Every structure is written in C-alpha cells, then in structure tokens.
PDB file of N, CA and C in Angstrom:
ATOM      1  N   MET A   1      45.446  67.112-101.775  1.00  0.00           N
ATOM      2  CA  MET A   1      46.816  67.593-101.829  1.00  0.00           C
ATOM      3  C   MET A   1      47.582  67.204-100.572  1.00  0.00           C
ATOM      4  N   GLU A   2      46.906  67.260 -99.431  1.00  0.00           N
ATOM      5  CA  GLU A   2      47.570  66.915 -98.178  1.00  0.00           C
ATOM      6  C   GLU A   2      47.954  65.439 -98.147  1.00  0.00           C
ATOM      7  N   LEU A   3      47.140  64.593 -98.771  1.00  0.00           N
ATOM      8  CA  LEU A   3      47.460  63.171 -98.834  1.00  0.00           C
ATOM      9  C   LEU A   3      48.784  62.947 -99.566  1.00  0.00           C
ATOM     10  N   LEU A   4      49.060  63.740-100.564  1.00  0.00           N
ATOM     11  CA  LEU A   4      50.335  63.654-101.276  1.00  0.00           C
ATOM     12  C   LEU A   4      51.496  63.992-100.345  1.00  0.00           C
ATOM     13  N   PHE A   5      51.336  65.040 -99.542  1.00  0.00           N
ATOM     14  CA  PHE A   5      52.381  65.407 -98.584  1.00  0.00           C
ATOM     15  C   PHE A   5      52.585  64.322 -97.537  1.00  0.00           C
ATOM     16  N   VAL A   6      51.493  63.750 -97.056  1.00  0.00           N
ATOM     17  CA  VAL A   6      51.592  62.685 -96.060  1.00  0.00           C
ATOM     18  C   VAL A   6      52.268  61.454 -96.663  1.00  0.00           C
ATOM     19  N   ALA A   7      51.924  61.109 -97.885  1.00  0.00           N
ATOM     20  CA  ALA A   7      52.558  59.961 -98.542  1.00  0.00           C
ATOM     21  C   ALA A   7      54.050  60.203 -98.731  1.00  0.00           C
ATOM     22  N   LEU A   8      54.422  61.414 -99.109  1.00  0.00           N
ATOM     23  CA  LEU A   8      55.841  61.737 -99.275  1.00  0.00           C
ATOM     24  C   LEU A   8      56.578  61.660 -97.941  1.00  0.00           C
ATOM     25  N   LEU A   9      55.981  62.203 -96.891  1.00  0.00           N
ATOM     26  CA  LEU A   9      56.607  62.119 -95.568  1.00  0.00           C
ATOM     27  C   LEU A   9      56.694  60.670 -95.089  1.00  0.00           C
ATOM     28  N   GLY A  10      55.695  59.861 -95.417  1.00  0.00           N
ATOM     29  CA  GLY A  10      55.745  58.441 -95.081  1.00  0.00           C
ATOM     30  C   GLY A  10      56.891  57.735 -95.784  1.00  0.00           C
ATOM     31  N   ALA A  11      57.127  58.078 -97.038  1.00  0.00           N
ATOM     32  CA  ALA A  11      58.252  57.487 -97.775  1.00  0.00           C
ATOM     33  C   ALA A  11      59.584  57.905 -97.154  1.00  0.00           C
ATOM     34  N   VAL A  12      59.683  59.151 -96.732  1.00  0.00           N
ATOM     35  CA  VAL A  12      60.915  59.636 -96.093  1.00  0.00           C
ATOM     36  C   VAL A  12      61.127  58.935 -94.759  1.00  0.00           C
ATOM     37  N   ILE A  13      60.063  58.753 -93.985  1.00  0.00           N
ATOM     38  CA  ILE A  13      60.174  58.040 -92.708  1.00  0.00           C
ATOM     39  C   ILE A  13      60.596  56.599 -92.953  1.00  0.00           C
ATOM     40  N   GLY A  14      60.004  55.945 -93.939  1.00  0.00           N
ATOM     41  CA  GLY A  14      60.399  54.578 -94.277  1.00  0.00           C
ATOM     42  C   GLY A  14      61.834  54.491 -94.750  1.00  0.00           C
ATOM     43  N   LEU A  15      62.266  55.471 -95.509  1.00  0.00           N
ATOM     44  CA  LEU A  15      63.656  55.506 -95.968  1.00  0.00           C
ATOM     45  C   LEU A  15      64.605  55.671 -94.787  1.00  0.00           C
ATOM     46  N   ALA A  16      64.244  56.529 -93.850  1.00  0.00           N
ATOM     47  CA  ALA A  16      65.070  56.712 -92.652  1.00  0.00           C
ATOM     48  C   ALA A  16      65.107  55.425 -91.839  1.00  0.00           C
ATOM     49  N   ALA A  17      63.964  54.750 -91.708  1.00  0.00           N
ATOM     50  CA  ALA A  17      63.934  53.485 -90.963  1.00  0.00           C
ATOM     51  C   ALA A  17      64.820  52.451 -91.645  1.00  0.00           C
ATOM     52  N   ARG A  18      64.828  52.440 -92.959  1.00  0.00           N
ATOM     53  CA  ARG A  18      65.662  51.472 -93.673  1.00  0.00           C
ATOM     54  C   ARG A  18      67.139  51.699 -93.407  1.00  0.00           C
ATOM     55  N   TYR A  19      67.577  52.943 -93.387  1.00  0.00           N
ATOM     56  CA  TYR A  19      69.005  53.212 -93.269  1.00  0.00           C
ATOM     57  C   TYR A  19      69.497  53.377 -91.839  1.00  0.00           C
ATOM     58  N   PHE A  20      68.613  53.600 -90.883  1.00  0.00           N
ATOM     59  CA  PHE A  20      69.062  53.770 -89.500  1.00  0.00           C
ATOM     60  C   PHE A  20      68.882  52.532 -88.644  1.00  0.00           C
ATOM     61  N   LEU A  21      68.172  51.525 -89.136  1.00  0.00           N
ATOM     62  CA  LEU A  21      67.950  50.299 -88.373  1.00  0.00           C
ATOM     63  C   LEU A  21      68.778  49.165 -88.957  1.00  0.00           C
ATOM     64  N   PRO A  22      69.086  48.156 -88.141  1.00  0.00           N
ATOM     65  CA  PRO A  22      69.878  47.025 -88.643  1.00  0.00           C
ATOM     66  C   PRO A  22      69.064  46.144 -89.586  1.00  0.00           C
ATOM     67  N   GLY A  23      69.758  45.317 -90.336  1.00  0.00           N
ATOM     68  CA  GLY A  23      69.112  44.361 -91.224  1.00  0.00           C
ATOM     69  C   GLY A  23      68.852  44.886 -92.617  1.00  0.00           C
ATOM     70  N   ARG A  24      69.509  45.952 -92.987  1.00  0.00           N
ATOM     71  CA  ARG A  24      69.290  46.558 -94.301  1.00  0.00           C
ATOM     72  C   ARG A  24      69.614  45.597 -95.441  1.00  0.00           C
ATOM     73  N   SER A  25      70.581  44.725 -95.240  1.00  0.00           N
ATOM     74  CA  SER A  25      71.000  43.829 -96.319  1.00  0.00           C
ATOM     75  C   SER A  25      70.031  42.673 -96.540  1.00  0.00           C
ATOM     76  N   THR A  26      69.037  42.528 -95.671  1.00  0.00           N
ATOM     77  CA  THR A  26      68.115  41.395 -95.792  1.00  0.00           C
ATOM     78  C   THR A  26      66.859  41.713 -96.571  1.00  0.00           C
ATOM     79  N   GLN A  27      66.726  42.940 -97.082  1.00  0.00           N
ATOM     80  CA  GLN A  27      65.500  43.319 -97.762  1.00  0.00           C
ATOM     81  C   GLN A  27      65.794  44.229 -98.941  1.00  0.00           C
ATOM     82  N   GLY A  28      64.830  44.361 -99.799  1.00  0.00           N
ATOM     83  CA  GLY A  28      64.983  45.217-100.961  1.00  0.00           C
ATOM     84  C   GLY A  28      65.018  46.689-100.572  1.00  0.00           C
ATOM     85  N   SER A  29      65.540  47.494-101.455  1.00  0.00           N
ATOM     86  CA  SER A  29      65.748  48.909-101.136  1.00  0.00           C
ATOM     87  C   SER A  29      64.454  49.718-101.082  1.00  0.00           C
ATOM     88  N   VAL A  30      63.367  49.205-101.616  1.00  0.00           N
ATOM     89  CA  VAL A  30      62.128  49.965-101.671  1.00  0.00           C
ATOM     90  C   VAL A  30      61.090  49.424-100.687  1.00  0.00           C
ATOM     91  N   LEU A  31      61.337  48.297-100.051  1.00  0.00           N
ATOM     92  CA  LEU A  31      60.331  47.669 -99.211  1.00  0.00           C
ATOM     93  C   LEU A  31      59.904  48.550 -98.044  1.00  0.00           C
ATOM     94  N   VAL A  32      60.826  48.992 -97.225  1.00  0.00           N
ATOM     95  CA  VAL A  32      60.463  49.776 -96.035  1.00  0.00           C
ATOM     96  C   VAL A  32      59.940  51.170 -96.407  1.00  0.00           C
ATOM     97  N   PRO A  33      60.521  51.874 -97.387  1.00  0.00           N
ATOM     98  CA  PRO A  33      59.875  53.132 -97.798  1.00  0.00           C
ATOM     99  C   PRO A  33      58.453  52.927 -98.322  1.00  0.00           C
ATOM    100  N   ALA A  34      58.206  51.827 -99.009  1.00  0.00           N
ATOM    101  CA  ALA A  34      56.842  51.544 -99.476  1.00  0.00           C
ATOM    102  C   ALA A  34      55.916  51.277 -98.302  1.00  0.00           C
ATOM    103  N   ILE A  35      56.404  50.571 -97.295  1.00  0.00           N
ATOM    104  CA  ILE A  35      55.610  50.333 -96.086  1.00  0.00           C
ATOM    105  C   ILE A  35      55.283  51.660 -95.413  1.00  0.00           C
ATOM    106  N   GLY A  36      56.252  52.563 -95.328  1.00  0.00           N
ATOM    107  CA  GLY A  36      56.012  53.873 -94.734  1.00  0.00           C
ATOM    108  C   GLY A  36      54.985  54.680 -95.510  1.00  0.00           C
ATOM    109  N   THR A  37      55.059  54.607 -96.827  1.00  0.00           N
ATOM    110  CA  THR A  37      54.106  55.339 -97.668  1.00  0.00           C
ATOM    111  C   THR A  37      52.690  54.804 -97.485  1.00  0.00           C
ATOM    112  N   VAL A  38      52.552  53.501 -97.497  1.00  0.00           N
ATOM    113  CA  VAL A  38      51.232  52.889 -97.340  1.00  0.00           C
ATOM    114  C   VAL A  38      50.676  53.149 -95.939  1.00  0.00           C
ATOM    115  N   ALA A  39      51.530  53.026 -94.930  1.00  0.00           N
ATOM    116  CA  ALA A  39      51.067  53.247 -93.552  1.00  0.00           C
ATOM    117  C   ALA A  39      50.599  54.687 -93.355  1.00  0.00           C
ATOM    118  N   ALA A  40      51.370  55.635 -93.825  1.00  0.00           N
ATOM    119  CA  ALA A  40      50.994  57.050 -93.665  1.00  0.00           C
ATOM    120  C   ALA A  40      49.696  57.354 -94.410  1.00  0.00           C
ATOM    121  N   SER A  41      49.583  56.870 -95.623  1.00  0.00           N
ATOM    122  CA  SER A  41      48.380  57.128 -96.420  1.00  0.00           C
ATOM    123  C   SER A  41      47.161  56.469 -95.794  1.00  0.00           C
ATOM    124  N   ALA A  42      47.296  55.224 -95.341  1.00  0.00           N
ATOM    125  CA  ALA A  42      46.162  54.516 -94.737  1.00  0.00           C
ATOM    126  C   ALA A  42      45.732  55.177 -93.435  1.00  0.00           C
ATOM    127  N   LEU A  43      46.685  55.568 -92.615  1.00  0.00           N
ATOM    128  CA  LEU A  43      46.332  56.255 -91.374  1.00  0.00           C
ATOM    129  C   LEU A  43      45.638  57.582 -91.654  1.00  0.00           C
ATOM    130  N   TRP A  44      46.146  58.328 -92.610  1.00  0.00           N
ATOM    131  CA  TRP A  44      45.552  59.620 -92.958  1.00  0.00           C
ATOM    132  C   TRP A  44      44.107  59.451 -93.433  1.00  0.00           C
ATOM    133  N   VAL A  45      43.898  58.507 -94.324  1.00  0.00           N
ATOM    134  CA  VAL A  45      42.551  58.286 -94.854  1.00  0.00           C
ATOM    135  C   VAL A  45      41.613  57.819 -93.745  1.00  0.00           C
ATOM    136  N   ALA A  46      42.076  56.910 -92.891  1.00  0.00           N
ATOM    137  CA  ALA A  46      41.242  56.438 -91.781  1.00  0.00           C
ATOM    138  C   ALA A  46      40.871  57.590 -90.848  1.00  0.00           C
ATOM    139  N   LEU A  47      41.814  58.451 -90.565  1.00  0.00           N
ATOM    140  CA  LEU A  47      41.530  59.577 -89.677  1.00  0.00           C
ATOM    141  C   LEU A  47      40.595  60.600 -90.321  1.00  0.00           C
ATOM    142  N   THR A  48      40.702  60.779 -91.623  1.00  0.00           N
ATOM    143  CA  THR A  48      39.754  61.693 -92.270  1.00  0.00           C
ATOM    144  C   THR A  48      38.351  61.092 -92.280  1.00  0.00           C
ATOM    145  N   TRP A  49      38.251  59.776 -92.438  1.00  0.00           N
ATOM    146  CA  TRP A  49      36.946  59.120 -92.359  1.00  0.00           C
ATOM    147  C   TRP A  49      36.358  59.236 -90.953  1.00  0.00           C
ATOM    148  N   LEU A  50      37.224  59.283 -89.956  1.00  0.00           N
ATOM    149  CA  LEU A  50      36.753  59.459 -88.583  1.00  0.00           C
ATOM    150  C   LEU A  50      36.379  60.900 -88.271  1.00  0.00           C
ATOM    151  N   GLY A  51      36.606  61.794 -89.205  1.00  0.00           N
ATOM    152  CA  GLY A  51      36.144  63.163 -89.058  1.00  0.00           C
ATOM    153  C   GLY A  51      37.205  64.197 -88.724  1.00  0.00           C
ATOM    154  N   LEU A  52      38.477  63.792 -88.663  1.00  0.00           N
ATOM    155  CA  LEU A  52      39.517  64.780 -88.391  1.00  0.00           C
ATOM    156  C   LEU A  52      39.769  65.620 -89.644  1.00  0.00           C
ATOM    157  N   ASN A  53      39.982  66.881 -89.449  1.00  0.00           N
ATOM    158  CA  ASN A  53      40.214  67.818 -90.530  1.00  0.00           C
ATOM    159  C   ASN A  53      41.713  67.941 -90.789  1.00  0.00           C
ATOM    160  N   TRP A  54      42.099  68.203 -92.013  1.00  0.00           N
ATOM    161  CA  TRP A  54      43.530  68.303 -92.340  1.00  0.00           C
ATOM    162  C   TRP A  54      44.176  69.492 -91.647  1.00  0.00           C
ATOM    163  N   ALA A  55      43.396  70.504 -91.282  1.00  0.00           N
ATOM    164  CA  ALA A  55      43.943  71.671 -90.596  1.00  0.00           C
ATOM    165  C   ALA A  55      44.190  71.394 -89.115  1.00  0.00           C
ATOM    166  N   ASN A  56      43.640  70.296 -88.630  1.00  0.00           N
ATOM    167  CA  ASN A  56      43.836  69.899 -87.246  1.00  0.00           C
ATOM    168  C   ASN A  56      45.227  69.282 -87.091  1.00  0.00           C
ATOM    169  N   GLY A  57      45.959  69.696 -86.093  1.00  0.00           N
ATOM    170  CA  GLY A  57      47.317  69.180 -85.904  1.00  0.00           C
ATOM    171  C   GLY A  57      47.361  67.723 -85.514  1.00  0.00           C
ATOM    172  N   TRP A  58      46.295  67.214 -84.888  1.00  0.00           N
ATOM    173  CA  TRP A  58      46.292  65.828 -84.438  1.00  0.00           C
ATOM    174  C   TRP A  58      46.386  64.836 -85.589  1.00  0.00           C
ATOM    175  N   ILE A  59      45.761  65.131 -86.689  1.00  0.00           N
ATOM    176  CA  ILE A  59      45.800  64.198 -87.820  1.00  0.00           C
ATOM    177  C   ILE A  59      47.230  64.035 -88.333  1.00  0.00           C
ATOM    178  N   TRP A  60      47.986  65.123 -88.307  1.00  0.00           N
ATOM    179  CA  TRP A  60      49.380  65.057 -88.742  1.00  0.00           C
ATOM    180  C   TRP A  60      50.214  64.257 -87.753  1.00  0.00           C
ATOM    181  N   TRP A  61      50.073  64.547 -86.472  1.00  0.00           N
ATOM    182  CA  TRP A  61      50.862  63.848 -85.456  1.00  0.00           C
ATOM    183  C   TRP A  61      50.555  62.357 -85.428  1.00  0.00           C
ATOM    184  N   VAL A  62      49.286  62.011 -85.422  1.00  0.00           N
ATOM    185  CA  VAL A  62      48.912  60.591 -85.367  1.00  0.00           C
ATOM    186  C   VAL A  62      49.388  59.862 -86.617  1.00  0.00           C
ATOM    187  N   SER A  63      49.216  60.473 -87.758  1.00  0.00           N
ATOM    188  CA  SER A  63      49.633  59.824 -89.006  1.00  0.00           C
ATOM    189  C   SER A  63      51.143  59.606 -89.048  1.00  0.00           C
ATOM    190  N   LEU A  64      51.906  60.607 -88.700  1.00  0.00           N
ATOM    191  CA  LEU A  64      53.359  60.493 -88.823  1.00  0.00           C
ATOM    192  C   LEU A  64      53.976  59.656 -87.714  1.00  0.00           C
ATOM    193  N   VAL A  65      53.495  59.795 -86.489  1.00  0.00           N
ATOM    194  CA  VAL A  65      54.025  58.960 -85.401  1.00  0.00           C
ATOM    195  C   VAL A  65      53.620  57.508 -85.628  1.00  0.00           C
ATOM    196  N   GLY A  66      52.391  57.285 -86.079  1.00  0.00           N
ATOM    197  CA  GLY A  66      51.968  55.922 -86.414  1.00  0.00           C
ATOM    198  C   GLY A  66      52.812  55.318 -87.523  1.00  0.00           C
ATOM    199  N   THR A  67      53.194  56.139 -88.484  1.00  0.00           N
ATOM    200  CA  THR A  67      54.053  55.666 -89.571  1.00  0.00           C
ATOM    201  C   THR A  67      55.430  55.280 -89.056  1.00  0.00           C
ATOM    202  N   VAL A  68      55.966  56.045 -88.132  1.00  0.00           N
ATOM    203  CA  VAL A  68      57.263  55.709 -87.538  1.00  0.00           C
ATOM    204  C   VAL A  68      57.165  54.361 -86.832  1.00  0.00           C
ATOM    205  N   VAL A  69      56.124  54.166 -86.045  1.00  0.00           N
ATOM    206  CA  VAL A  69      55.955  52.913 -85.308  1.00  0.00           C
ATOM    207  C   VAL A  69      55.827  51.732 -86.265  1.00  0.00           C
ATOM    208  N   VAL A  70      54.973  51.862 -87.266  1.00  0.00           N
ATOM    209  CA  VAL A  70      54.759  50.772 -88.223  1.00  0.00           C
ATOM    210  C   VAL A  70      56.041  50.467 -88.992  1.00  0.00           C
ATOM    211  N   SER A  71      56.748  51.497 -89.448  1.00  0.00           N
ATOM    212  CA  SER A  71      57.971  51.290 -90.227  1.00  0.00           C
ATOM    213  C   SER A  71      59.058  50.611 -89.398  1.00  0.00           C
ATOM    214  N   VAL A  72      59.231  51.045 -88.176  1.00  0.00           N
ATOM    215  CA  VAL A  72      60.275  50.465 -87.320  1.00  0.00           C
ATOM    216  C   VAL A  72      59.936  49.018 -86.975  1.00  0.00           C
ATOM    217  N   VAL A  73      58.707  48.775 -86.542  1.00  0.00           N
ATOM    218  CA  VAL A  73      58.328  47.420 -86.140  1.00  0.00           C
ATOM    219  C   VAL A  73      58.421  46.457 -87.317  1.00  0.00           C
ATOM    220  N   LEU A  74      57.851  46.828 -88.453  1.00  0.00           N
ATOM    221  CA  LEU A  74      57.892  45.915 -89.598  1.00  0.00           C
ATOM    222  C   LEU A  74      59.307  45.719 -90.133  1.00  0.00           C
ATOM    223  N   ASN A  75      60.128  46.758 -90.084  1.00  0.00           N
ATOM    224  CA  ASN A  75      61.520  46.606 -90.510  1.00  0.00           C
ATOM    225  C   ASN A  75      62.230  45.582 -89.632  1.00  0.00           C
ATOM    226  N   LEU A  76      62.057  45.684 -88.326  1.00  0.00           N
ATOM    227  CA  LEU A  76      62.711  44.749 -87.415  1.00  0.00           C
ATOM    228  C   LEU A  76      62.167  43.333 -87.562  1.00  0.00           C
ATOM    229  N   VAL A  77      60.858  43.194 -87.722  1.00  0.00           N
ATOM    230  CA  VAL A  77      60.255  41.868 -87.870  1.00  0.00           C
ATOM    231  C   VAL A  77      60.693  41.215 -89.179  1.00  0.00           C
ATOM    232  N   ILE A  78      60.647  41.966 -90.264  1.00  0.00           N
ATOM    233  CA  ILE A  78      61.041  41.409 -91.566  1.00  0.00           C
ATOM    234  C   ILE A  78      62.513  41.006 -91.547  1.00  0.00           C
ATOM    235  N   SER A  79      63.368  41.846 -90.986  1.00  0.00           N
ATOM    236  CA  SER A  79      64.799  41.526 -90.928  1.00  0.00           C
ATOM    237  C   SER A  79      65.048  40.267 -90.110  1.00  0.00           C
ATOM    238  N   ARG A  80      64.389  40.184 -88.946  1.00  0.00           N
ATOM    239  CA  ARG A  80      64.588  39.024 -88.079  1.00  0.00           C
ATOM    240  C   ARG A  80      64.103  37.749 -88.741  1.00  0.00           C
ATOM    241  N   ARG A  81      62.935  37.794 -89.364  1.00  0.00           N
ATOM    242  CA  ARG A  81      62.407  36.601 -90.043  1.00  0.00           C
ATOM    243  C   ARG A  81      63.282  36.191 -91.217  1.00  0.00           C
ATOM    244  N   ARG A  82      63.796  37.159 -91.943  1.00  0.00           N
ATOM    245  CA  ARG A  82      64.648  36.845 -93.091  1.00  0.00           C
ATOM    246  C   ARG A  82      65.961  36.212 -92.655  1.00  0.00           C
ATOM    247  N   ILE A  83      66.550  36.740 -91.582  1.00  0.00           N
ATOM    248  CA  ILE A  83      67.807  36.174 -91.075  1.00  0.00           C
ATOM    249  C   ILE A  83      67.589  34.741 -90.608  1.00  0.00           C
ATOM    250  N   HIS A  84      66.509  34.507 -89.858  1.00  0.00           N
ATOM    251  CA  HIS A  84      66.227  33.142 -89.394  1.00  0.00           C
ATOM    252  C   HIS A  84      65.903  32.208 -90.556  1.00  0.00           C
ATOM    253  N   GLY A  85      65.168  32.691 -91.533  1.00  0.00           N
ATOM    254  CA  GLY A  85      64.859  31.882 -92.708  1.00  0.00           C
ATOM    255  C   GLY A  85      66.108  31.520 -93.499  1.00  0.00           C
ATOM    256  N   ASP A  86      67.024  32.468 -93.636  1.00  0.00           N
ATOM    257  CA  ASP A  86      68.280  32.188 -94.335  1.00  0.00           C
ATOM    258  C   ASP A  86      69.118  31.170 -93.571  1.00  0.00           C
ATOM    259  N   GLN A  87      69.130  31.280 -92.250  1.00  0.00           N
ATOM    260  CA  GLN A  87      69.892  30.316 -91.444  1.00  0.00           C
ATOM    261  C   GLN A  87      69.302  28.909 -91.545  1.00  0.00           C
ATOM    262  N   ARG A  88      67.966  28.809 -91.529  1.00  0.00           N
ATOM    263  CA  ARG A  88      67.324  27.499 -91.686  1.00  0.00           C
ATOM    264  C   ARG A  88      67.631  26.898 -93.051  1.00  0.00           C
ATOM    265  N   MET A  89      67.584  27.717 -94.086  1.00  0.00           N
ATOM    266  CA  MET A  89      67.881  27.222 -95.431  1.00  0.00           C
ATOM    267  C   MET A  89      69.338  26.776 -95.537  1.00  0.00           C
ATOM    268  N   LEU A  90      70.240  27.538 -94.959  1.00  0.00           N
ATOM    269  CA  LEU A  90      71.654  27.157 -94.981  1.00  0.00           C
ATOM    270  C   LEU A  90      71.866  25.844 -94.246  1.00  0.00           C
ATOM    271  N   GLN A  91      71.184  25.660 -93.125  1.00  0.00           N
ATOM    272  CA  GLN A  91      71.309  24.405 -92.370  1.00  0.00           C
ATOM    273  C   GLN A  91      70.762  23.234 -93.170  1.00  0.00           C
ATOM    274  N   ARG A  92      69.623  23.422 -93.834  1.00  0.00           N
ATOM    275  CA  ARG A  92      69.059  22.361 -94.667  1.00  0.00           C
ATOM    276  C   ARG A  92      69.989  22.008 -95.820  1.00  0.00           C
ATOM    277  N   LEU A  93      70.574  23.017 -96.449  1.00  0.00           N
ATOM    278  CA  LEU A  93      71.500  22.752 -97.549  1.00  0.00           C
ATOM    279  C   LEU A  93      72.761  22.045 -97.050  1.00  0.00           C
ATOM    280  N   ALA A  94      73.232  22.437 -95.879  1.00  0.00           N
ATOM    281  CA  ALA A  94      74.416  21.788 -95.320  1.00  0.00           C
ATOM    282  C   ALA A  94      74.113  20.326 -94.986  1.00  0.00           C
ATOM    283  N   ASN A  95      72.918  20.062 -94.441  1.00  0.00           N
ATOM    284  CA  ASN A  95      72.539  18.686 -94.120  1.00  0.00           C
ATOM    285  C   ASN A  95      72.369  17.863 -95.393  1.00  0.00           C
ATOM    286  N   ALA A  96      71.797  18.440 -96.430  1.00  0.00           N
ATOM    287  CA  ALA A  96      71.611  17.717 -97.692  1.00  0.00           C
ATOM    288  C   ALA A  96      72.967  17.433 -98.346  1.00  0.00           C
ATOM    289  N   ALA A  97      73.899  18.384 -98.238  1.00  0.00           N
ATOM    290  CA  ALA A  97      75.210  18.188 -98.847  1.00  0.00           C
ATOM    291  C   ALA A  97      75.999  17.120 -98.092  1.00  0.00           C
ATOM    292  N   SER A  98      75.867  17.064 -96.781  1.00  0.00           N
ATOM    293  CA  SER A  98      76.611  16.065 -96.023  1.00  0.00           C
ATOM    294  C   SER A  98      75.993  14.682 -96.162  1.00  0.00           C
ATOM    295  N   ALA A  99      74.696  14.611 -96.459  1.00  0.00           N
ATOM    296  CA  ALA A  99      74.037  13.324 -96.644  1.00  0.00           C
ATOM    297  C   ALA A  99      74.341  12.730 -98.014  1.00  0.00           C
ATOM    298  N   ALA A 100      74.720  13.561 -98.945  1.00  0.00           N
ATOM    299  CA  ALA A 100      74.941  13.083-100.314  1.00  0.00           C
ATOM    300  C   ALA A 100      76.292  12.510-100.518  1.00  0.00           C
TER     301      ALA A 100
END
C-alpha cells in the first residue's frame, strides 16, 4: 500500500517539475510525471530490499528527495537535448533548402 502512495507522490513531484522548470514545450505532457513515478517506485523498492522499513522516516525522505533530484535533472537534460536537436535539424533543413 505504501508503494502506491510513493508512486502517487512521485507523479506529483514529476508534474511539479514539468510545470515549474523551463522547456515544457519540448516534451510530452506525461514524460516527466512518468519519470517521477518510476524514480520514486524504484528508490522505494531498492530501499526496502536494503532493509529499511516503511515506518522508518528515512525511507520516505530518501525516496522523495531522490525523486525530486532525478525529475529535475532529467527534465533539464531532456529539454536541453531536445532544443539542441531541433536546432541541428533546422540548420540541416535550411542548408538542404539553400543547396537545392
């Protein structure tokens, strides 16, 4: 049951990262919330395998803070790569159009 709560909080963190960080127009509306959900769930499961109990506050803090870090970093990296990729494609199309 706690994994469901962590996954939901991960989706909310990813949604917040999508709307509070730049580059929102370069990605789909579900990408960053999905990243947050997967990150929170994976961290939670890894920590339970390491022996942390759900009643322990550390598992919650590590899972949610780790989700914030992963969501923010991946949002910024994906946005930056997409912007550069779009610029390269536009330059290639402009060069092909001027050569024709």
